[in-house]
Amino acid sequence: MAEKEVPNQFACDEAFAMYMDEKTKKIIQAAMVLDVYSKNASPKELLGRVLVELGDEDDNESTFFEQVNKMEAILYEIGDLPSN
């Protein structure tokens, strides 16, 4: 019986932290450009402000990641974000 490979938890945590850092930087950058940035606001709060400023309704039912994807799609659509 072959052993299953167990992913390195540290590598997974590190990759997730890098992903979150990248997304948080995009949110902060968009908030600054749209003049809705506050250093006391959480990334989730800034994301909500950015989406409202971009014309999207405040959505409490979507996950943080769904909202980030929505923000990136809107910014890409209007040409403010290069495609990955």
PDB file of N, CA and C in Angstrom:
ATOM      1  N   MET A   1       0.849  -1.165   0.000  1.00  0.00           N
ATOM      2  CA  MET A   1       0.000   0.000   0.000  1.00  0.00           C
ATOM      3  C   MET A   1       0.902   1.238   0.000  1.00  0.00           C
ATOM      4  N   ALA A   2       0.676   2.126  -0.925  1.00  0.00           N
ATOM      5  CA  ALA A   2       1.482   3.344  -1.035  1.00  0.00           C
ATOM      6  C   ALA A   2       1.001   4.376  -0.025  1.00  0.00           C
ATOM      7  N   GLU A   3       1.976   5.073   0.568  1.00  0.00           N
ATOM      8  CA  GLU A   3       1.621   6.133   1.515  1.00  0.00           C
ATOM      9  C   GLU A   3       1.149   7.363   0.759  1.00  0.00           C
ATOM     10  N   LYS A   4       0.161   8.015   1.310  1.00  0.00           N
ATOM     11  CA  LYS A   4      -0.315   9.262   0.714  1.00  0.00           C
ATOM     12  C   LYS A   4       0.636  10.376   1.108  1.00  0.00           C
ATOM     13  N   GLU A   5       0.877  11.276   0.177  1.00  0.00           N
ATOM     14  CA  GLU A   5       1.709  12.430   0.491  1.00  0.00           C
ATOM     15  C   GLU A   5       0.892  13.431   1.282  1.00  0.00           C
ATOM     16  N   VAL A   6       1.442  13.869   2.365  1.00  0.00           N
ATOM     17  CA  VAL A   6       0.791  14.884   3.183  1.00  0.00           C
ATOM     18  C   VAL A   6       1.450  16.212   2.861  1.00  0.00           C
ATOM     19  N   PRO A   7       0.658  17.208   2.440  1.00  0.00           N
ATOM     20  CA  PRO A   7       1.272  18.491   2.104  1.00  0.00           C
ATOM     21  C   PRO A   7       1.946  19.100   3.327  1.00  0.00           C
ATOM     22  N   ASN A   8       3.030  19.762   3.081  1.00  0.00           N
ATOM     23  CA  ASN A   8       3.755  20.440   4.146  1.00  0.00           C
ATOM     24  C   ASN A   8       2.890  21.589   4.645  1.00  0.00           C
ATOM     25  N   GLN A   9       2.433  21.497   5.888  1.00  0.00           N
ATOM     26  CA  GLN A   9       1.527  22.507   6.447  1.00  0.00           C
ATOM     27  C   GLN A   9       2.164  23.884   6.445  1.00  0.00           C
ATOM     28  N   PHE A  10       3.460  23.942   6.737  1.00  0.00           N
ATOM     29  CA  PHE A  10       4.150  25.233   6.747  1.00  0.00           C
ATOM     30  C   PHE A  10       4.129  25.857   5.359  1.00  0.00           C
ATOM     31  N   ALA A  11       4.367  25.054   4.334  1.00  0.00           N
ATOM     32  CA  ALA A  11       4.361  25.566   2.962  1.00  0.00           C
ATOM     33  C   ALA A  11       2.973  26.068   2.590  1.00  0.00           C
ATOM     34  N   CYS A  12       1.934  25.350   3.006  1.00  0.00           N
ATOM     35  CA  CYS A  12       0.561  25.774   2.723  1.00  0.00           C
ATOM     36  C   CYS A  12       0.246  27.088   3.434  1.00  0.00           C
ATOM     37  N   ASP A  13       0.642  27.175   4.704  1.00  0.00           N
ATOM     38  CA  ASP A  13       0.400  28.397   5.469  1.00  0.00           C
ATOM     39  C   ASP A  13       1.149  29.576   4.867  1.00  0.00           C
ATOM     40  N   GLU A  14       2.381  29.331   4.451  1.00  0.00           N
ATOM     41  CA  GLU A  14       3.192  30.393   3.857  1.00  0.00           C
ATOM     42  C   GLU A  14       2.594  30.857   2.528  1.00  0.00           C
ATOM     43  N   ALA A  15       2.140  29.915   1.712  1.00  0.00           N
ATOM     44  CA  ALA A  15       1.528  30.264   0.428  1.00  0.00           C
ATOM     45  C   ALA A  15       0.247  31.062   0.649  1.00  0.00           C
ATOM     46  N   PHE A  16      -0.545  30.669   1.630  1.00  0.00           N
ATOM     47  CA  PHE A  16      -1.780  31.389   1.927  1.00  0.00           C
ATOM     48  C   PHE A  16      -1.472  32.794   2.425  1.00  0.00           C
ATOM     49  N   ALA A  17      -0.462  32.927   3.270  1.00  0.00           N
ATOM     50  CA  ALA A  17      -0.069  34.248   3.777  1.00  0.00           C
ATOM     51  C   ALA A  17       0.386  35.152   2.633  1.00  0.00           C
ATOM     52  N   MET A  18       1.122  34.596   1.687  1.00  0.00           N
ATOM     53  CA  MET A  18       1.570  35.378   0.528  1.00  0.00           C
ATOM     54  C   MET A  18       0.375  35.802  -0.320  1.00  0.00           C
ATOM     55  N   TYR A  19      -0.573  34.890  -0.518  1.00  0.00           N
ATOM     56  CA  TYR A  19      -1.780  35.181  -1.280  1.00  0.00           C
ATOM     57  C   TYR A  19      -2.561  36.312  -0.615  1.00  0.00           C
ATOM     58  N   MET A  20      -2.743  36.211   0.702  1.00  0.00           N
ATOM     59  CA  MET A  20      -3.489  37.236   1.437  1.00  0.00           C
ATOM     60  C   MET A  20      -2.774  38.582   1.392  1.00  0.00           C
ATOM     61  N   ASP A  21      -1.455  38.566   1.492  1.00  0.00           N
ATOM     62  CA  ASP A  21      -0.680  39.798   1.432  1.00  0.00           C
ATOM     63  C   ASP A  21      -0.855  40.471   0.072  1.00  0.00           C
ATOM     64  N   GLU A  22      -0.809  39.673  -0.992  1.00  0.00           N
ATOM     65  CA  GLU A  22      -0.990  40.207  -2.347  1.00  0.00           C
ATOM     66  C   GLU A  22      -2.381  40.827  -2.512  1.00  0.00           C
ATOM     67  N   LYS A  23      -3.398  40.127  -2.052  1.00  0.00           N
ATOM     68  CA  LYS A  23      -4.773  40.627  -2.183  1.00  0.00           C
ATOM     69  C   LYS A  23      -4.989  41.869  -1.326  1.00  0.00           C
ATOM     70  N   THR A  24      -4.433  41.878  -0.122  1.00  0.00           N
ATOM     71  CA  THR A  24      -4.570  43.033   0.762  1.00  0.00           C
ATOM     72  C   THR A  24      -3.915  44.263   0.145  1.00  0.00           C
ATOM     73  N   LYS A  25      -2.756  44.075  -0.471  1.00  0.00           N
ATOM     74  CA  LYS A  25      -2.077  45.197  -1.134  1.00  0.00           C
ATOM     75  C   LYS A  25      -2.929  45.755  -2.271  1.00  0.00           C
ATOM     76  N   LYS A  26      -3.578  44.873  -3.036  1.00  0.00           N
ATOM     77  CA  LYS A  26      -4.452  45.328  -4.128  1.00  0.00           C
ATOM     78  C   LYS A  26      -5.639  46.113  -3.584  1.00  0.00           C
ATOM     79  N   ILE A  27      -6.206  45.632  -2.484  1.00  0.00           N
ATOM     80  CA  ILE A  27      -7.348  46.321  -1.869  1.00  0.00           C
ATOM     81  C   ILE A  27      -6.925  47.704  -1.396  1.00  0.00           C
ATOM     82  N   ILE A  28      -5.794  47.781  -0.709  1.00  0.00           N
ATOM     83  CA  ILE A  28      -5.304  49.066  -0.199  1.00  0.00           C
ATOM     84  C   ILE A  28      -5.007  50.018  -1.347  1.00  0.00           C
ATOM     85  N   GLN A  29      -4.364  49.510  -2.394  1.00  0.00           N
ATOM     86  CA  GLN A  29      -4.051  50.350  -3.553  1.00  0.00           C
ATOM     87  C   GLN A  29      -5.331  50.897  -4.183  1.00  0.00           C
ATOM     88  N   ALA A  30      -6.321  50.042  -4.371  1.00  0.00           N
ATOM     89  CA  ALA A  30      -7.588  50.487  -4.958  1.00  0.00           C
ATOM     90  C   ALA A  30      -8.275  51.498  -4.047  1.00  0.00           C
ATOM     91  N   ALA A  31      -8.244  51.254  -2.745  1.00  0.00           N
ATOM     92  CA  ALA A  31      -8.872  52.178  -1.791  1.00  0.00           C
ATOM     93  C   ALA A  31      -8.200  53.548  -1.833  1.00  0.00           C
ATOM     94  N   MET A  32      -6.881  53.564  -1.973  1.00  0.00           N
ATOM     95  CA  MET A  32      -6.162  54.843  -2.042  1.00  0.00           C
ATOM     96  C   MET A  32      -6.507  55.597  -3.323  1.00  0.00           C
ATOM     97  N   VAL A  33      -6.531  54.879  -4.436  1.00  0.00           N
ATOM     98  CA  VAL A  33      -6.857  55.510  -5.719  1.00  0.00           C
ATOM     99  C   VAL A  33      -8.273  56.068  -5.699  1.00  0.00           C
ATOM    100  N   LEU A  34      -9.192  55.335  -5.086  1.00  0.00           N
ATOM    101  CA  LEU A  34     -10.598  55.750  -5.039  1.00  0.00           C
ATOM    102  C   LEU A  34     -10.896  56.692  -3.875  1.00  0.00           C
ATOM    103  N   ASP A  35      -9.879  57.024  -3.113  1.00  0.00           N
ATOM    104  CA  ASP A  35      -9.980  57.956  -1.987  1.00  0.00           C
ATOM    105  C   ASP A  35     -10.967  57.484  -0.920  1.00  0.00           C
ATOM    106  N   VAL A  36     -10.937  56.185  -0.627  1.00  0.00           N
ATOM    107  CA  VAL A  36     -11.765  55.627   0.447  1.00  0.00           C
ATOM    108  C   VAL A  36     -10.897  54.928   1.496  1.00  0.00           C
ATOM    109  N   TYR A  37      -9.595  55.151   1.442  1.00  0.00           N
ATOM    110  CA  TYR A  37      -8.658  54.488   2.349  1.00  0.00           C
ATOM    111  C   TYR A  37      -8.685  55.105   3.740  1.00  0.00           C
ATOM    112  N   SER A  38      -8.598  54.254   4.728  1.00  0.00           N
ATOM    113  CA  SER A  38      -8.431  54.666   6.121  1.00  0.00           C
ATOM    114  C   SER A  38      -7.478  53.666   6.758  1.00  0.00           C
ATOM    115  N   LYS A  39      -6.430  54.168   7.400  1.00  0.00           N
ATOM    116  CA  LYS A  39      -5.451  53.242   7.975  1.00  0.00           C
ATOM    117  C   LYS A  39      -6.036  52.423   9.121  1.00  0.00           C
ATOM    118  N   ASN A  40      -7.144  52.856   9.673  1.00  0.00           N
ATOM    119  CA  ASN A  40      -7.782  52.130  10.772  1.00  0.00           C
ATOM    120  C   ASN A  40      -8.777  51.073  10.296  1.00  0.00           C
ATOM    121  N   ALA A  41      -9.070  51.044   9.004  1.00  0.00           N
ATOM    122  CA  ALA A  41     -10.049  50.096   8.469  1.00  0.00           C
ATOM    123  C   ALA A  41      -9.387  48.746   8.186  1.00  0.00           C
ATOM    124  N   SER A  42     -10.141  47.690   8.381  1.00  0.00           N
ATOM    125  CA  SER A  42      -9.656  46.343   8.071  1.00  0.00           C
ATOM    126  C   SER A  42      -9.688  46.145   6.556  1.00  0.00           C
ATOM    127  N   PRO A  43      -8.937  45.154   6.042  1.00  0.00           N
ATOM    128  CA  PRO A  43      -8.996  44.872   4.605  1.00  0.00           C
ATOM    129  C   PRO A  43     -10.421  44.583   4.132  1.00  0.00           C
ATOM    130  N   LYS A  44     -11.207  43.875   4.948  1.00  0.00           N
ATOM    131  CA  LYS A  44     -12.597  43.569   4.561  1.00  0.00           C
ATOM    132  C   LYS A  44     -13.419  44.845   4.456  1.00  0.00           C
ATOM    133  N   GLU A  45     -13.236  45.754   5.408  1.00  0.00           N
ATOM    134  CA  GLU A  45     -13.966  47.019   5.369  1.00  0.00           C
ATOM    135  C   GLU A  45     -13.539  47.854   4.162  1.00  0.00           C
ATOM    136  N   LEU A  46     -12.240  47.896   3.893  1.00  0.00           N
ATOM    137  CA  LEU A  46     -11.752  48.634   2.719  1.00  0.00           C
ATOM    138  C   LEU A  46     -12.304  48.028   1.437  1.00  0.00           C
ATOM    139  N   LEU A  47     -12.338  46.709   1.386  1.00  0.00           N
ATOM    140  CA  LEU A  47     -12.871  46.026   0.209  1.00  0.00           C
ATOM    141  C   LEU A  47     -14.323  46.417  -0.023  1.00  0.00           C
ATOM    142  N   GLY A  48     -15.116  46.460   1.037  1.00  0.00           N
ATOM    143  CA  GLY A  48     -16.510  46.884   0.913  1.00  0.00           C
ATOM    144  C   GLY A  48     -16.619  48.300   0.384  1.00  0.00           C
ATOM    145  N   ARG A  49     -15.779  49.197   0.895  1.00  0.00           N
ATOM    146  CA  ARG A  49     -15.783  50.588   0.429  1.00  0.00           C
ATOM    147  C   ARG A  49     -15.397  50.675  -1.043  1.00  0.00           C
ATOM    148  N   VAL A  50     -14.386  49.894  -1.434  1.00  0.00           N
ATOM    149  CA  VAL A  50     -13.937  49.898  -2.832  1.00  0.00           C
ATOM    150  C   VAL A  50     -15.056  49.415  -3.742  1.00  0.00           C
ATOM    151  N   LEU A  51     -15.701  48.318  -3.368  1.00  0.00           N
ATOM    152  CA  LEU A  51     -16.777  47.784  -4.203  1.00  0.00           C
ATOM    153  C   LEU A  51     -17.926  48.777  -4.338  1.00  0.00           C
ATOM    154  N   VAL A  52     -18.299  49.433  -3.249  1.00  0.00           N
ATOM    155  CA  VAL A  52     -19.369  50.433  -3.310  1.00  0.00           C
ATOM    156  C   VAL A  52     -18.946  51.579  -4.220  1.00  0.00           C
ATOM    157  N   GLU A  53     -17.713  52.022  -4.088  1.00  0.00           N
ATOM    158  CA  GLU A  53     -17.212  53.128  -4.917  1.00  0.00           C
ATOM    159  C   GLU A  53     -17.177  52.743  -6.395  1.00  0.00           C
ATOM    160  N   LEU A  54     -16.957  51.461  -6.672  1.00  0.00           N
ATOM    161  CA  LEU A  54     -16.933  50.979  -8.055  1.00  0.00           C
ATOM    162  C   LEU A  54     -18.332  50.716  -8.602  1.00  0.00           C
ATOM    163  N   GLY A  55     -19.353  50.972  -7.776  1.00  0.00           N
ATOM    164  CA  GLY A  55     -20.730  50.834  -8.245  1.00  0.00           C
ATOM    165  C   GLY A  55     -21.375  49.513  -7.899  1.00  0.00           C
ATOM    166  N   ASP A  56     -20.699  48.699  -7.121  1.00  0.00           N
ATOM    167  CA  ASP A  56     -21.269  47.423  -6.717  1.00  0.00           C
ATOM    168  C   ASP A  56     -21.988  47.609  -5.385  1.00  0.00           C
ATOM    169  N   GLU A  57     -23.021  46.821  -5.163  1.00  0.00           N
ATOM    170  CA  GLU A  57     -23.754  46.916  -3.899  1.00  0.00           C
ATOM    171  C   GLU A  57     -22.965  46.248  -2.785  1.00  0.00           C
ATOM    172  N   ASP A  58     -23.130  46.755  -1.573  1.00  0.00           N
ATOM    173  CA  ASP A  58     -22.507  46.136  -0.411  1.00  0.00           C
ATOM    174  C   ASP A  58     -23.128  44.759  -0.240  1.00  0.00           C
ATOM    175  N   ASP A  59     -22.306  43.729  -0.227  1.00  0.00           N
ATOM    176  CA  ASP A  59     -22.784  42.350  -0.224  1.00  0.00           C
ATOM    177  C   ASP A  59     -22.236  41.621   0.997  1.00  0.00           C
ATOM    178  N   ASN A  60     -23.095  41.366   1.958  1.00  0.00           N
ATOM    179  CA  ASN A  60     -22.668  40.672   3.175  1.00  0.00           C
ATOM    180  C   ASN A  60     -22.755  39.157   3.052  1.00  0.00           C
ATOM    181  N   GLU A  61     -23.303  38.664   1.943  1.00  0.00           N
ATOM    182  CA  GLU A  61     -23.463  37.224   1.791  1.00  0.00           C
ATOM    183  C   GLU A  61     -22.291  36.575   1.072  1.00  0.00           C
ATOM    184  N   SER A  62     -21.554  37.338   0.280  1.00  0.00           N
ATOM    185  CA  SER A  62     -20.393  36.791  -0.417  1.00  0.00           C
ATOM    186  C   SER A  62     -19.225  36.669   0.549  1.00  0.00           C
ATOM    187  N   THR A  63     -18.374  35.689   0.279  1.00  0.00           N
ATOM    188  CA  THR A  63     -17.178  35.544   1.104  1.00  0.00           C
ATOM    189  C   THR A  63     -16.175  36.631   0.741  1.00  0.00           C
ATOM    190  N   PHE A  64     -15.209  36.814   1.601  1.00  0.00           N
ATOM    191  CA  PHE A  64     -14.137  37.778   1.356  1.00  0.00           C
ATOM    192  C   PHE A  64     -13.478  37.493   0.009  1.00  0.00           C
ATOM    193  N   PHE A  65     -13.205  36.222  -0.267  1.00  0.00           N
ATOM    194  CA  PHE A  65     -12.518  35.845  -1.498  1.00  0.00           C
ATOM    195  C   PHE A  65     -13.386  36.100  -2.730  1.00  0.00           C
ATOM    196  N   GLU A  66     -14.682  35.860  -2.615  1.00  0.00           N
ATOM    197  CA  GLU A  66     -15.594  36.169  -3.721  1.00  0.00           C
ATOM    198  C   GLU A  66     -15.619  37.671  -3.985  1.00  0.00           C
ATOM    199  N   GLN A  67     -15.600  38.462  -2.912  1.00  0.00           N
ATOM    200  CA  GLN A  67     -15.598  39.916  -3.072  1.00  0.00           C
ATOM    201  C   GLN A  67     -14.288  40.404  -3.686  1.00  0.00           C
ATOM    202  N   VAL A  68     -13.163  39.795  -3.295  1.00  0.00           N
ATOM    203  CA  VAL A  68     -11.873  40.157  -3.896  1.00  0.00           C
ATOM    204  C   VAL A  68     -11.898  39.846  -5.388  1.00  0.00           C
ATOM    205  N   ASN A  69     -12.412  38.680  -5.745  1.00  0.00           N
ATOM    206  CA  ASN A  69     -12.508  38.316  -7.162  1.00  0.00           C
ATOM    207  C   ASN A  69     -13.393  39.294  -7.920  1.00  0.00           C
ATOM    208  N   LYS A  70     -14.486  39.716  -7.293  1.00  0.00           N
ATOM    209  CA  LYS A  70     -15.393  40.683  -7.915  1.00  0.00           C
ATOM    210  C   LYS A  70     -14.676  42.013  -8.136  1.00  0.00           C
ATOM    211  N   MET A  71     -13.934  42.473  -7.122  1.00  0.00           N
ATOM    212  CA  MET A  71     -13.185  43.726  -7.242  1.00  0.00           C
ATOM    213  C   MET A  71     -12.178  43.636  -8.386  1.00  0.00           C
ATOM    214  N   GLU A  72     -11.440  42.534  -8.430  1.00  0.00           N
ATOM    215  CA  GLU A  72     -10.436  42.368  -9.480  1.00  0.00           C
ATOM    216  C   GLU A  72     -11.083  42.313 -10.858  1.00  0.00           C
ATOM    217  N   ALA A  73     -12.240  41.666 -10.965  1.00  0.00           N
ATOM    218  CA  ALA A  73     -12.939  41.591 -12.251  1.00  0.00           C
ATOM    219  C   ALA A  73     -13.389  42.973 -12.708  1.00  0.00           C
ATOM    220  N   ILE A  74     -13.918  43.770 -11.782  1.00  0.00           N
ATOM    221  CA  ILE A  74     -14.356  45.127 -12.127  1.00  0.00           C
ATOM    222  C   ILE A  74     -13.165  45.973 -12.550  1.00  0.00           C
ATOM    223  N   LEU A  75     -12.077  45.913 -11.778  1.00  0.00           N
ATOM    224  CA  LEU A  75     -10.888  46.707 -12.104  1.00  0.00           C
ATOM    225  C   LEU A  75     -10.282  46.275 -13.435  1.00  0.00           C
ATOM    226  N   TYR A  76     -10.283  44.975 -13.705  1.00  0.00           N
ATOM    227  CA  TYR A  76      -9.776  44.481 -14.984  1.00  0.00           C
ATOM    228  C   TYR A  76     -10.666  44.973 -16.125  1.00  0.00           C
ATOM    229  N   GLU A  77     -11.971  44.918 -15.905  1.00  0.00           N
ATOM    230  CA  GLU A  77     -12.934  45.334 -16.925  1.00  0.00           C
ATOM    231  C   GLU A  77     -12.772  46.805 -17.298  1.00  0.00           C
ATOM    232  N   ILE A  78     -12.492  47.647 -16.305  1.00  0.00           N
ATOM    233  CA  ILE A  78     -12.337  49.075 -16.604  1.00  0.00           C
ATOM    234  C   ILE A  78     -10.895  49.437 -16.949  1.00  0.00           C
ATOM    235  N   GLY A  79     -10.024  48.430 -16.966  1.00  0.00           N
ATOM    236  CA  GLY A  79      -8.655  48.653 -17.419  1.00  0.00           C
ATOM    237  C   GLY A  79      -7.689  49.132 -16.359  1.00  0.00           C
ATOM    238  N   ASP A  80      -8.064  49.047 -15.093  1.00  0.00           N
ATOM    239  CA  ASP A  80      -7.170  49.489 -14.023  1.00  0.00           C
ATOM    240  C   ASP A  80      -6.350  48.363 -13.418  1.00  0.00           C
ATOM    241  N   LEU A  81      -6.520  47.144 -13.915  1.00  0.00           N
ATOM    242  CA  LEU A  81      -5.787  46.010 -13.373  1.00  0.00           C
ATOM    243  C   LEU A  81      -5.378  45.109 -14.527  1.00  0.00           C
ATOM    244  N   PRO A  82      -4.084  44.844 -14.677  1.00  0.00           N
ATOM    245  CA  PRO A  82      -3.661  43.945 -15.754  1.00  0.00           C
ATOM    246  C   PRO A  82      -4.119  42.521 -15.469  1.00  0.00           C
ATOM    247  N   SER A  83      -4.355  41.762 -16.523  1.00  0.00           N
ATOM    248  CA  SER A  83      -4.761  40.371 -16.324  1.00  0.00           C
ATOM    249  C   SER A  83      -3.569  39.580 -15.816  1.00  0.00           C
ATOM    250  N   ASN A  84      -3.857  38.523 -15.042  1.00  0.00           N
ATOM    251  CA  ASN A  84      -2.776  37.712 -14.450  1.00  0.00           C
ATOM    252  C   ASN A  84      -2.203  36.773 -15.454  1.00  0.00           C
TER     253      ASN A  84
END
